[in-house]
């Protein structure tokens, strides 16, 4: 039985002996790094910069893709709406509570009372019923009040707040008024 055991043990070692040549390849393990070149700090930094540059390009491309997905593709017809332009902040709109200055070159008739030529501060007010009135002031003195008609017409004015006197015919002038809340006009007789 001992002989049989020794024979089996010897036979099991035979395949290991066949691969003994492969063990010789590990003898050069100490010289594995001999063919490598050493790199300088400058070369290392250049390699890192190249990698980071590619990363930034990829991020910029993803950002453009996101902007295109949100805002639509390509550039807009309006140059301020292109994806590359910066968003400008707008000044908040506020009501003009001080009124607007109007030059009246003729003598107006308001409620059968003459309103002389001159400069007037015009303030428009809307009452609880929704009717609009134009009030005329010189300095702090109230000079008259006229009922006006609300309109959606902006009379091609450049500014949001405006007041202007326009000749209408031989007996009437038209006063147009515009503000943040509404636009209105009134026909007023004159001498």
N, C-alpha and C. Protein backbone atom coordinates (compact mmCIF):
# COMPACT_ATOMS: atom_id res chain seq x y z
N UNK A 1 0.82 -1.16 0.00
CA UNK A 1 0.00 0.00 0.00
C UNK A 1 0.87 1.24 0.00
N UNK A 2 1.99 1.12 0.70
CA UNK A 2 2.91 2.25 0.71
C UNK A 2 3.48 2.47 -0.67
N UNK A 3 3.72 1.39 -1.39
CA UNK A 3 4.27 1.51 -2.73
C UNK A 3 3.26 2.17 -3.67
N UNK A 4 2.02 1.76 -3.51
CA UNK A 4 0.98 2.33 -4.34
C UNK A 4 0.84 3.85 -4.08
N UNK A 5 0.92 4.19 -2.84
CA UNK A 5 0.82 5.61 -2.48
C UNK A 5 1.98 6.40 -3.05
N UNK A 6 3.20 5.85 -2.99
CA UNK A 6 4.39 6.52 -3.54
C UNK A 6 4.28 6.64 -5.07
N UNK A 7 3.75 5.65 -5.72
CA UNK A 7 3.62 5.70 -7.16
C UNK A 7 2.60 6.78 -7.55
N UNK A 8 1.50 6.83 -6.86
CA UNK A 8 0.49 7.86 -7.17
C UNK A 8 1.03 9.26 -6.91
N UNK A 9 1.78 9.40 -5.87
CA UNK A 9 2.38 10.70 -5.56
C UNK A 9 3.36 11.11 -6.64
N UNK A 10 4.19 10.18 -7.12
CA UNK A 10 5.17 10.46 -8.15
C UNK A 10 4.47 10.82 -9.47
N UNK A 11 3.36 10.13 -9.79
CA UNK A 11 2.62 10.39 -11.02
C UNK A 11 1.96 11.75 -10.94
N UNK A 12 1.50 12.16 -9.75
CA UNK A 12 0.87 13.47 -9.63
C UNK A 12 1.87 14.61 -9.76
N UNK A 13 3.15 14.34 -9.49
CA UNK A 13 4.17 15.38 -9.62
C UNK A 13 4.67 15.53 -11.05
N UNK A 14 4.42 14.57 -11.89
CA UNK A 14 4.90 14.63 -13.27
C UNK A 14 4.36 15.84 -14.04
N UNK A 15 3.08 16.16 -13.96
CA UNK A 15 2.64 17.35 -14.70
C UNK A 15 3.32 18.63 -14.20
N UNK A 16 3.63 18.72 -12.94
CA UNK A 16 4.33 19.91 -12.43
C UNK A 16 5.73 20.01 -12.99
N UNK A 17 6.35 18.89 -13.17
CA UNK A 17 7.70 18.90 -13.73
C UNK A 17 7.66 19.35 -15.18
N UNK A 18 6.56 19.09 -15.88
CA UNK A 18 6.44 19.49 -17.27
C UNK A 18 6.37 21.02 -17.39
N UNK A 19 5.86 21.69 -16.40
CA UNK A 19 5.74 23.15 -16.44
C UNK A 19 6.90 23.84 -15.72
N UNK A 20 7.91 23.14 -15.41
CA UNK A 20 9.05 23.74 -14.68
C UNK A 20 9.77 24.77 -15.52
N UNK A 21 9.68 24.68 -16.85
CA UNK A 21 10.33 25.67 -17.72
C UNK A 21 9.68 27.05 -17.57
N UNK A 22 8.39 27.09 -17.28
CA UNK A 22 7.71 28.37 -17.11
C UNK A 22 8.19 29.10 -15.88
N UNK A 23 8.69 28.38 -14.90
CA UNK A 23 9.18 29.03 -13.68
C UNK A 23 10.45 29.81 -13.97
N UNK A 24 11.15 29.50 -15.00
CA UNK A 24 12.38 30.21 -15.35
C UNK A 24 12.08 31.63 -15.84
N UNK A 25 10.88 31.90 -16.37
CA UNK A 25 10.52 33.23 -16.87
C UNK A 25 10.41 34.25 -15.75
N UNK A 26 10.15 33.82 -14.54
CA UNK A 26 10.03 34.74 -13.42
C UNK A 26 11.37 35.14 -12.82
N UNK A 27 12.42 34.67 -13.36
CA UNK A 27 13.74 35.01 -12.83
C UNK A 27 14.12 36.45 -13.21
N UNK A 28 13.51 37.00 -14.27
CA UNK A 28 13.82 38.37 -14.71
C UNK A 28 12.90 39.40 -14.06
N UNK A 29 12.16 39.05 -13.06
CA UNK A 29 11.19 39.96 -12.44
C UNK A 29 11.88 41.18 -11.83
N UNK A 30 13.10 41.06 -11.39
CA UNK A 30 13.80 42.19 -10.78
C UNK A 30 14.15 43.26 -11.81
N UNK A 31 14.20 42.90 -13.08
CA UNK A 31 14.58 43.85 -14.12
C UNK A 31 13.37 44.28 -14.96
N UNK A 32 12.17 44.16 -14.44
CA UNK A 32 10.96 44.49 -15.19
C UNK A 32 10.84 45.99 -15.48
N UNK A 33 11.35 46.85 -14.63
CA UNK A 33 11.23 48.29 -14.79
C UNK A 33 12.44 48.92 -15.46
N UNK A 34 13.37 48.12 -15.92
CA UNK A 34 14.61 48.66 -16.50
C UNK A 34 14.35 49.43 -17.79
N UNK A 35 13.40 49.09 -18.62
CA UNK A 35 13.17 49.74 -19.90
C UNK A 35 12.29 50.99 -19.79
N UNK A 36 11.78 51.35 -18.60
CA UNK A 36 10.88 52.49 -18.43
C UNK A 36 11.67 53.80 -18.40
N UNK A 37 11.09 54.87 -19.01
CA UNK A 37 11.71 56.19 -18.96
C UNK A 37 11.10 56.98 -17.82
N UNK A 38 11.91 57.78 -17.16
CA UNK A 38 11.42 58.66 -16.11
C UNK A 38 10.85 59.92 -16.76
N UNK A 39 9.70 60.44 -16.25
CA UNK A 39 9.12 61.66 -16.81
C UNK A 39 9.36 62.81 -15.84
N UNK A 40 9.42 64.01 -16.41
CA UNK A 40 9.66 65.19 -15.58
C UNK A 40 8.31 65.75 -15.10
N UNK A 41 8.38 66.68 -14.16
CA UNK A 41 7.16 67.32 -13.65
C UNK A 41 6.46 68.09 -14.76
N UNK A 42 7.23 68.72 -15.62
CA UNK A 42 6.66 69.49 -16.72
C UNK A 42 5.85 68.59 -17.65
N UNK A 43 6.38 67.43 -17.99
CA UNK A 43 5.68 66.50 -18.86
C UNK A 43 4.39 66.01 -18.19
N UNK A 44 4.49 65.76 -16.88
CA UNK A 44 3.30 65.31 -16.13
C UNK A 44 2.22 66.38 -16.14
N UNK A 45 2.60 67.66 -15.90
CA UNK A 45 1.63 68.76 -15.88
C UNK A 45 1.00 68.96 -17.25
N UNK A 46 1.80 68.82 -18.33
CA UNK A 46 1.25 68.95 -19.68
C UNK A 46 0.21 67.86 -19.96
N UNK A 47 0.50 66.66 -19.50
CA UNK A 47 -0.44 65.56 -19.70
C UNK A 47 -1.74 65.82 -18.94
N UNK A 48 -1.65 66.32 -17.70
CA UNK A 48 -2.83 66.63 -16.90
C UNK A 48 -3.62 67.77 -17.54
N UNK A 49 -2.93 68.82 -18.03
CA UNK A 49 -3.61 69.93 -18.71
C UNK A 49 -4.37 69.46 -19.95
N UNK A 50 -3.79 68.56 -20.69
CA UNK A 50 -4.45 68.02 -21.88
C UNK A 50 -5.73 67.28 -21.49
N UNK A 51 -5.64 66.49 -20.44
CA UNK A 51 -6.81 65.74 -19.98
C UNK A 51 -7.90 66.69 -19.50
N UNK A 52 -7.51 67.72 -18.72
CA UNK A 52 -8.49 68.69 -18.21
C UNK A 52 -9.08 69.53 -19.33
N UNK A 53 -8.27 69.86 -20.36
CA UNK A 53 -8.78 70.62 -21.51
C UNK A 53 -9.85 69.84 -22.24
N UNK A 54 -9.63 68.55 -22.41
CA UNK A 54 -10.64 67.70 -23.05
C UNK A 54 -11.91 67.64 -22.20
N UNK A 55 -11.72 67.62 -20.89
CA UNK A 55 -12.87 67.57 -19.98
C UNK A 55 -13.68 68.86 -20.09
N UNK A 56 -13.00 70.02 -20.17
CA UNK A 56 -13.70 71.31 -20.30
C UNK A 56 -14.44 71.40 -21.63
N UNK A 57 -13.83 70.90 -22.69
CA UNK A 57 -14.51 70.90 -23.99
C UNK A 57 -15.77 70.06 -23.94
N UNK A 58 -15.67 68.93 -23.27
CA UNK A 58 -16.82 68.04 -23.15
C UNK A 58 -17.94 68.71 -22.35
N UNK A 59 -17.58 69.42 -21.25
CA UNK A 59 -18.57 70.12 -20.44
C UNK A 59 -19.23 71.23 -21.24
N UNK A 60 -18.44 71.99 -22.03
CA UNK A 60 -18.99 73.06 -22.85
C UNK A 60 -19.95 72.50 -23.90
N UNK A 61 -19.61 71.37 -24.47
CA UNK A 61 -20.46 70.74 -25.46
C UNK A 61 -21.78 70.28 -24.83
N UNK A 62 -21.69 69.73 -23.61
CA UNK A 62 -22.90 69.30 -22.90
C UNK A 62 -23.77 70.50 -22.54
N UNK A 63 -23.14 71.63 -22.15
CA UNK A 63 -23.88 72.84 -21.82
C UNK A 63 -24.63 73.37 -23.04
N UNK A 64 -23.94 73.40 -24.20
CA UNK A 64 -24.60 73.85 -25.43
C UNK A 64 -25.78 72.94 -25.78
N UNK A 65 -25.58 71.65 -25.58
CA UNK A 65 -26.64 70.70 -25.87
C UNK A 65 -27.85 70.95 -24.97
N UNK A 66 -27.57 71.24 -23.69
CA UNK A 66 -28.65 71.52 -22.74
C UNK A 66 -29.38 72.81 -23.11
N UNK A 67 -28.62 73.85 -23.47
CA UNK A 67 -29.23 75.13 -23.87
C UNK A 67 -30.08 74.92 -25.12
N UNK A 68 -29.58 74.13 -26.05
CA UNK A 68 -30.32 73.87 -27.27
C UNK A 68 -31.61 73.12 -26.96
N UNK A 69 -31.53 72.19 -26.01
CA UNK A 69 -32.70 71.41 -25.64
C UNK A 69 -33.75 72.29 -24.96
N UNK A 70 -33.30 73.22 -24.11
CA UNK A 70 -34.22 74.09 -23.39
C UNK A 70 -34.74 75.22 -24.27
N UNK A 71 -33.82 75.92 -24.93
CA UNK A 71 -34.20 77.13 -25.65
C UNK A 71 -34.42 76.95 -27.13
N UNK A 72 -34.31 75.78 -27.64
CA UNK A 72 -34.50 75.58 -29.07
C UNK A 72 -33.17 75.60 -29.78
N UNK A 73 -33.15 75.08 -30.95
CA UNK A 73 -31.90 74.94 -31.68
C UNK A 73 -31.51 76.19 -32.44
N UNK A 74 -30.24 76.36 -32.63
CA UNK A 74 -29.73 77.44 -33.45
C UNK A 74 -29.84 78.80 -32.81
N UNK A 75 -29.58 79.81 -33.59
CA UNK A 75 -29.68 81.17 -33.09
C UNK A 75 -31.05 81.73 -33.44
N UNK A 76 -31.46 82.68 -32.67
CA UNK A 76 -32.77 83.28 -32.85
C UNK A 76 -32.68 84.40 -33.89
N UNK A 77 -33.82 84.84 -34.34
CA UNK A 77 -33.85 85.97 -35.26
C UNK A 77 -33.43 87.24 -34.54
N UNK A 78 -33.67 87.31 -33.26
CA UNK A 78 -33.30 88.47 -32.47
C UNK A 78 -31.92 88.22 -31.86
N UNK A 79 -30.93 89.10 -32.11
CA UNK A 79 -29.56 88.81 -31.64
C UNK A 79 -29.43 88.74 -30.12
N UNK A 80 -30.31 89.41 -29.36
CA UNK A 80 -30.21 89.36 -27.91
C UNK A 80 -30.69 88.05 -27.33
N UNK A 81 -31.34 87.20 -28.14
CA UNK A 81 -31.88 85.94 -27.64
C UNK A 81 -31.03 84.74 -28.02
N UNK A 82 -29.83 84.96 -28.57
CA UNK A 82 -28.99 83.83 -28.93
C UNK A 82 -28.47 83.16 -27.66
N UNK A 83 -28.16 81.86 -27.71
CA UNK A 83 -27.74 81.14 -26.51
C UNK A 83 -26.41 81.63 -25.95
N UNK A 84 -25.60 82.28 -26.77
CA UNK A 84 -24.29 82.72 -26.29
C UNK A 84 -24.32 84.09 -25.62
N UNK A 85 -25.39 84.85 -25.80
CA UNK A 85 -25.42 86.20 -25.23
C UNK A 85 -25.78 86.15 -23.75
N UNK A 86 -25.30 87.15 -23.05
CA UNK A 86 -25.61 87.24 -21.62
C UNK A 86 -26.98 87.88 -21.43
N UNK A 87 -27.64 87.50 -20.38
CA UNK A 87 -28.96 88.03 -20.10
C UNK A 87 -28.79 89.38 -19.40
N UNK A 88 -29.40 90.39 -19.97
CA UNK A 88 -29.31 91.73 -19.41
C UNK A 88 -30.40 91.93 -18.38
N UNK A 89 -30.05 92.62 -17.31
CA UNK A 89 -31.07 92.88 -16.31
C UNK A 89 -31.87 94.12 -16.72
N UNK A 90 -33.14 94.07 -16.50
CA UNK A 90 -34.02 95.17 -16.87
C UNK A 90 -34.40 95.96 -15.64
N UNK A 91 -34.53 97.26 -15.81
CA UNK A 91 -34.95 98.11 -14.70
C UNK A 91 -36.42 97.85 -14.41
N UNK A 92 -36.78 97.74 -13.16
CA UNK A 92 -38.18 97.47 -12.85
C UNK A 92 -39.07 98.65 -13.25
N UNK A 93 -40.27 98.33 -13.72
CA UNK A 93 -41.22 99.37 -14.10
C UNK A 93 -41.93 99.87 -12.85
N UNK A 94 -42.11 101.19 -12.78
CA UNK A 94 -42.83 101.75 -11.64
C UNK A 94 -43.79 102.81 -12.14
N UNK A 95 -44.83 103.03 -11.39
CA UNK A 95 -45.84 103.99 -11.80
C UNK A 95 -45.31 105.42 -11.67
N UNK A 96 -45.75 106.27 -12.59
CA UNK A 96 -45.38 107.67 -12.55
C UNK A 96 -46.46 108.42 -11.78
N UNK A 97 -46.27 108.59 -10.48
CA UNK A 97 -47.27 109.22 -9.63
C UNK A 97 -47.17 110.75 -9.66
N UNK A 98 -46.08 111.28 -10.21
CA UNK A 98 -45.89 112.73 -10.24
C UNK A 98 -46.59 113.39 -11.42
N UNK A 99 -47.10 112.61 -12.34
CA UNK A 99 -47.73 113.17 -13.52
C UNK A 99 -46.70 113.48 -14.59
N UNK A 100 -47.19 113.97 -15.73
CA UNK A 100 -46.30 114.30 -16.84
C UNK A 100 -46.58 115.72 -17.31
N UNK A 101 -45.55 116.35 -17.79
CA UNK A 101 -45.63 117.75 -18.20
C UNK A 101 -46.16 117.85 -19.62
N UNK A 102 -47.12 118.78 -19.82
CA UNK A 102 -47.74 119.00 -21.13
C UNK A 102 -47.70 120.48 -21.45
N UNK A 103 -47.24 120.81 -22.66
CA UNK A 103 -47.25 122.18 -23.14
C UNK A 103 -48.57 122.40 -23.88
N UNK A 104 -49.36 123.36 -23.41
CA UNK A 104 -50.64 123.68 -24.03
C UNK A 104 -50.48 125.02 -24.75
N UNK A 105 -50.41 125.02 -26.10
CA UNK A 105 -50.17 126.26 -26.85
C UNK A 105 -51.43 127.06 -27.16
N UNK A 106 -52.60 126.57 -26.76
CA UNK A 106 -53.87 127.26 -27.03
C UNK A 106 -54.65 127.37 -25.72
N UNK A 107 -55.67 128.22 -25.72
CA UNK A 107 -56.55 128.33 -24.55
C UNK A 107 -57.62 127.25 -24.64
N UNK A 108 -57.60 126.32 -23.69
CA UNK A 108 -58.57 125.23 -23.65
C UNK A 108 -59.80 125.65 -22.86
N UNK A 109 -60.91 124.99 -23.12
CA UNK A 109 -62.13 125.24 -22.36
C UNK A 109 -62.49 123.93 -21.64
N UNK A 110 -62.38 123.97 -20.31
CA UNK A 110 -62.68 122.80 -19.49
C UNK A 110 -63.83 123.16 -18.56
N UNK A 111 -64.93 122.45 -18.68
CA UNK A 111 -66.14 122.70 -17.87
C UNK A 111 -66.58 124.17 -17.97
N UNK A 112 -66.58 124.68 -19.20
CA UNK A 112 -66.99 126.07 -19.50
C UNK A 112 -66.08 127.10 -18.83
N UNK A 113 -64.89 126.68 -18.39
CA UNK A 113 -63.91 127.60 -17.81
C UNK A 113 -62.67 127.57 -18.70
N UNK A 114 -62.07 128.74 -18.99
CA UNK A 114 -60.87 128.76 -19.85
C UNK A 114 -59.64 128.26 -19.08
N UNK A 115 -58.83 127.51 -19.77
CA UNK A 115 -57.54 127.06 -19.25
C UNK A 115 -56.49 127.72 -20.13
N UNK A 116 -55.74 128.63 -19.56
CA UNK A 116 -54.82 129.46 -20.35
C UNK A 116 -53.66 128.65 -20.91
N UNK A 117 -52.99 129.24 -21.91
CA UNK A 117 -51.79 128.63 -22.49
C UNK A 117 -50.75 128.46 -21.39
N UNK A 118 -49.91 127.43 -21.55
CA UNK A 118 -48.84 127.24 -20.59
C UNK A 118 -48.50 125.77 -20.40
N UNK A 119 -47.69 125.53 -19.38
CA UNK A 119 -47.28 124.17 -19.06
C UNK A 119 -48.13 123.65 -17.91
N UNK A 120 -48.60 122.41 -18.06
CA UNK A 120 -49.45 121.81 -17.05
C UNK A 120 -48.94 120.40 -16.73
N UNK A 121 -49.08 120.08 -15.48
CA UNK A 121 -48.80 118.70 -15.06
C UNK A 121 -50.12 117.94 -15.18
N UNK A 122 -50.08 116.84 -15.96
CA UNK A 122 -51.28 116.05 -16.20
C UNK A 122 -51.17 114.73 -15.43
N UNK A 123 -52.18 114.48 -14.61
CA UNK A 123 -52.25 113.23 -13.85
C UNK A 123 -53.55 112.53 -14.22
N UNK A 124 -53.44 111.27 -14.60
CA UNK A 124 -54.63 110.48 -14.97
C UNK A 124 -55.03 109.61 -13.78
N UNK A 125 -56.33 109.57 -13.53
CA UNK A 125 -56.85 108.80 -12.42
C UNK A 125 -58.03 107.97 -12.91
N UNK A 126 -58.14 106.77 -12.37
CA UNK A 126 -59.28 105.90 -12.69
C UNK A 126 -60.10 105.77 -11.41
N UNK A 127 -61.38 106.11 -11.49
CA UNK A 127 -62.22 106.04 -10.29
C UNK A 127 -62.76 104.61 -10.09
N UNK A 128 -63.59 104.45 -9.08
CA UNK A 128 -64.11 103.13 -8.73
C UNK A 128 -65.02 102.55 -9.81
N UNK A 129 -65.64 103.41 -10.59
CA UNK A 129 -66.52 102.95 -11.67
C UNK A 129 -65.74 102.55 -12.92
N UNK A 130 -64.45 102.85 -12.94
CA UNK A 130 -63.62 102.53 -14.10
C UNK A 130 -63.49 103.67 -15.08
N UNK A 131 -64.03 104.84 -14.73
CA UNK A 131 -63.92 105.99 -15.62
C UNK A 131 -62.58 106.69 -15.38
N UNK A 132 -62.02 107.23 -16.45
CA UNK A 132 -60.70 107.86 -16.40
C UNK A 132 -60.86 109.37 -16.49
N UNK A 133 -60.12 110.09 -15.65
CA UNK A 133 -60.13 111.54 -15.66
C UNK A 133 -58.69 112.05 -15.75
N UNK A 134 -58.49 113.08 -16.58
CA UNK A 134 -57.21 113.76 -16.69
C UNK A 134 -57.30 115.06 -15.89
N UNK A 135 -56.43 115.19 -14.89
CA UNK A 135 -56.40 116.38 -14.05
C UNK A 135 -55.23 117.26 -14.45
N UNK A 136 -55.48 118.58 -14.52
CA UNK A 136 -54.46 119.55 -14.93
C UNK A 136 -54.04 120.37 -13.71
N UNK A 137 -52.73 120.45 -13.50
CA UNK A 137 -52.17 121.22 -12.38
C UNK A 137 -51.12 122.17 -12.91
N UNK A 138 -51.08 123.39 -12.31
CA UNK A 138 -49.98 124.31 -12.53
C UNK A 138 -49.39 124.56 -11.16
N UNK A 139 -48.11 124.15 -11.01
CA UNK A 139 -47.47 124.14 -9.70
C UNK A 139 -48.27 123.19 -8.81
N UNK A 140 -48.72 123.64 -7.65
CA UNK A 140 -49.53 122.76 -6.80
C UNK A 140 -51.02 123.07 -6.93
N UNK A 141 -51.39 123.98 -7.84
CA UNK A 141 -52.78 124.41 -7.95
C UNK A 141 -53.53 123.59 -9.00
N UNK A 142 -54.70 123.11 -8.59
CA UNK A 142 -55.58 122.36 -9.48
C UNK A 142 -56.28 123.33 -10.42
N UNK A 143 -56.21 123.04 -11.76
CA UNK A 143 -56.77 123.94 -12.75
C UNK A 143 -57.99 123.37 -13.47
N UNK A 144 -58.14 122.03 -13.52
CA UNK A 144 -59.30 121.47 -14.19
C UNK A 144 -59.21 119.96 -14.34
N UNK A 145 -60.36 119.39 -14.70
CA UNK A 145 -60.45 117.94 -14.83
C UNK A 145 -61.31 117.61 -16.04
N UNK A 146 -60.85 116.62 -16.86
CA UNK A 146 -61.56 116.23 -18.07
C UNK A 146 -61.73 114.72 -18.08
N UNK A 147 -62.92 114.27 -18.50
CA UNK A 147 -63.16 112.84 -18.62
C UNK A 147 -62.49 112.34 -19.91
N UNK A 148 -61.83 111.18 -19.82
CA UNK A 148 -61.12 110.61 -20.97
C UNK A 148 -61.67 109.22 -21.26
N UNK A 149 -61.36 108.73 -22.45
CA UNK A 149 -61.81 107.41 -22.89
C UNK A 149 -60.60 106.49 -22.95
N UNK A 150 -60.73 105.30 -22.33
CA UNK A 150 -59.63 104.33 -22.34
C UNK A 150 -59.53 103.69 -23.72
N UNK A 151 -58.28 103.41 -24.13
CA UNK A 151 -58.02 102.80 -25.43
C UNK A 151 -56.84 101.85 -25.33
N UNK A 152 -56.72 100.98 -26.32
CA UNK A 152 -55.55 100.09 -26.38
C UNK A 152 -54.49 100.64 -27.32
N UNK A 153 -54.79 101.74 -27.99
CA UNK A 153 -53.86 102.37 -28.92
C UNK A 153 -52.70 102.98 -28.14
N UNK A 154 -51.47 102.78 -28.65
CA UNK A 154 -50.31 103.38 -28.00
C UNK A 154 -49.77 104.59 -28.78
N UNK A 155 -50.42 104.92 -29.88
CA UNK A 155 -50.11 106.11 -30.70
C UNK A 155 -48.66 106.14 -31.17
N UNK A 156 -48.04 104.98 -31.33
CA UNK A 156 -46.65 104.86 -31.82
C UNK A 156 -45.66 105.69 -31.00
N UNK A 157 -45.88 105.77 -29.71
CA UNK A 157 -44.99 106.51 -28.83
C UNK A 157 -43.81 105.62 -28.43
N UNK A 158 -42.64 106.23 -28.25
CA UNK A 158 -41.44 105.48 -27.87
C UNK A 158 -41.46 105.10 -26.40
N UNK A 159 -42.01 105.97 -25.56
CA UNK A 159 -42.00 105.75 -24.12
C UNK A 159 -43.32 105.13 -23.66
N UNK A 160 -43.26 104.47 -22.53
CA UNK A 160 -44.45 103.87 -21.96
C UNK A 160 -45.35 104.94 -21.35
N UNK A 161 -44.74 105.93 -20.68
CA UNK A 161 -45.49 107.05 -20.09
C UNK A 161 -45.40 108.24 -21.04
N UNK A 162 -46.55 108.75 -21.48
CA UNK A 162 -46.54 109.90 -22.38
C UNK A 162 -47.83 110.69 -22.23
N UNK A 163 -47.76 111.96 -22.58
CA UNK A 163 -48.92 112.82 -22.72
C UNK A 163 -48.60 113.79 -23.85
N UNK A 164 -49.59 114.01 -24.73
CA UNK A 164 -49.34 114.87 -25.89
C UNK A 164 -50.65 115.51 -26.33
N UNK A 165 -50.54 116.74 -26.82
CA UNK A 165 -51.69 117.48 -27.35
C UNK A 165 -51.56 117.46 -28.87
N UNK A 166 -52.61 116.96 -29.55
CA UNK A 166 -52.61 116.84 -31.01
C UNK A 166 -53.78 117.65 -31.56
N UNK A 167 -53.55 118.50 -32.59
CA UNK A 167 -54.67 119.22 -33.21
C UNK A 167 -55.63 118.23 -33.87
N UNK A 168 -56.95 118.43 -33.64
CA UNK A 168 -57.94 117.51 -34.20
C UNK A 168 -58.72 118.19 -35.34
N UNK A 169 -59.36 119.31 -35.04
CA UNK A 169 -60.02 120.12 -36.07
C UNK A 169 -60.03 121.58 -35.59
N UNK A 170 -60.88 122.44 -36.20
CA UNK A 170 -60.87 123.87 -35.86
C UNK A 170 -61.42 124.14 -34.46
N UNK A 171 -62.15 123.21 -33.88
CA UNK A 171 -62.79 123.46 -32.59
C UNK A 171 -62.22 122.61 -31.44
N UNK A 172 -61.58 121.50 -31.76
CA UNK A 172 -61.13 120.57 -30.72
C UNK A 172 -59.66 120.20 -30.88
N UNK A 173 -59.04 119.87 -29.75
CA UNK A 173 -57.71 119.25 -29.74
C UNK A 173 -57.88 117.89 -29.07
N UNK A 174 -56.96 117.01 -29.39
CA UNK A 174 -57.00 115.67 -28.81
C UNK A 174 -55.80 115.53 -27.88
N UNK A 175 -56.08 115.16 -26.64
CA UNK A 175 -55.00 114.90 -25.69
C UNK A 175 -54.91 113.39 -25.53
N UNK A 176 -53.69 112.86 -25.80
CA UNK A 176 -53.47 111.43 -25.63
C UNK A 176 -52.60 111.23 -24.39
N UNK A 177 -52.90 110.18 -23.67
CA UNK A 177 -52.19 109.91 -22.42
C UNK A 177 -51.89 108.41 -22.37
N UNK A 178 -50.68 108.07 -21.95
CA UNK A 178 -50.31 106.67 -21.80
C UNK A 178 -49.55 106.46 -20.50
N UNK A 179 -49.81 105.34 -19.85
CA UNK A 179 -49.09 104.99 -18.62
C UNK A 179 -48.98 103.48 -18.53
N UNK A 180 -48.40 103.02 -17.45
CA UNK A 180 -48.24 101.59 -17.23
C UNK A 180 -49.59 100.90 -17.09
N UNK A 181 -50.56 101.60 -16.53
CA UNK A 181 -51.87 101.00 -16.25
C UNK A 181 -52.82 101.05 -17.44
N UNK A 182 -52.84 102.17 -18.18
CA UNK A 182 -53.81 102.30 -19.27
C UNK A 182 -53.37 103.41 -20.21
N UNK A 183 -54.00 103.44 -21.39
CA UNK A 183 -53.87 104.53 -22.36
C UNK A 183 -55.25 105.15 -22.52
N UNK A 184 -55.26 106.47 -22.73
CA UNK A 184 -56.56 107.15 -22.86
C UNK A 184 -56.41 108.37 -23.76
N UNK A 185 -57.57 108.88 -24.20
CA UNK A 185 -57.58 110.11 -24.99
C UNK A 185 -58.84 110.91 -24.60
N UNK A 186 -58.75 112.24 -24.90
CA UNK A 186 -59.89 113.12 -24.64
C UNK A 186 -59.91 114.21 -25.69
N UNK A 187 -61.11 114.60 -26.12
CA UNK A 187 -61.28 115.73 -27.03
C UNK A 187 -61.69 116.92 -26.19
N UNK A 188 -60.97 118.04 -26.33
CA UNK A 188 -61.21 119.23 -25.54
C UNK A 188 -61.39 120.42 -26.47
N UNK A 189 -62.44 121.21 -26.28
CA UNK A 189 -62.60 122.41 -27.14
C UNK A 189 -61.56 123.48 -26.77
N UNK A 190 -61.26 124.34 -27.75
CA UNK A 190 -60.29 125.41 -27.52
C UNK A 190 -60.72 126.66 -28.25
N UNK A 191 -60.13 127.79 -27.84
CA UNK A 191 -60.40 129.07 -28.52
C UNK A 191 -59.26 129.37 -29.47
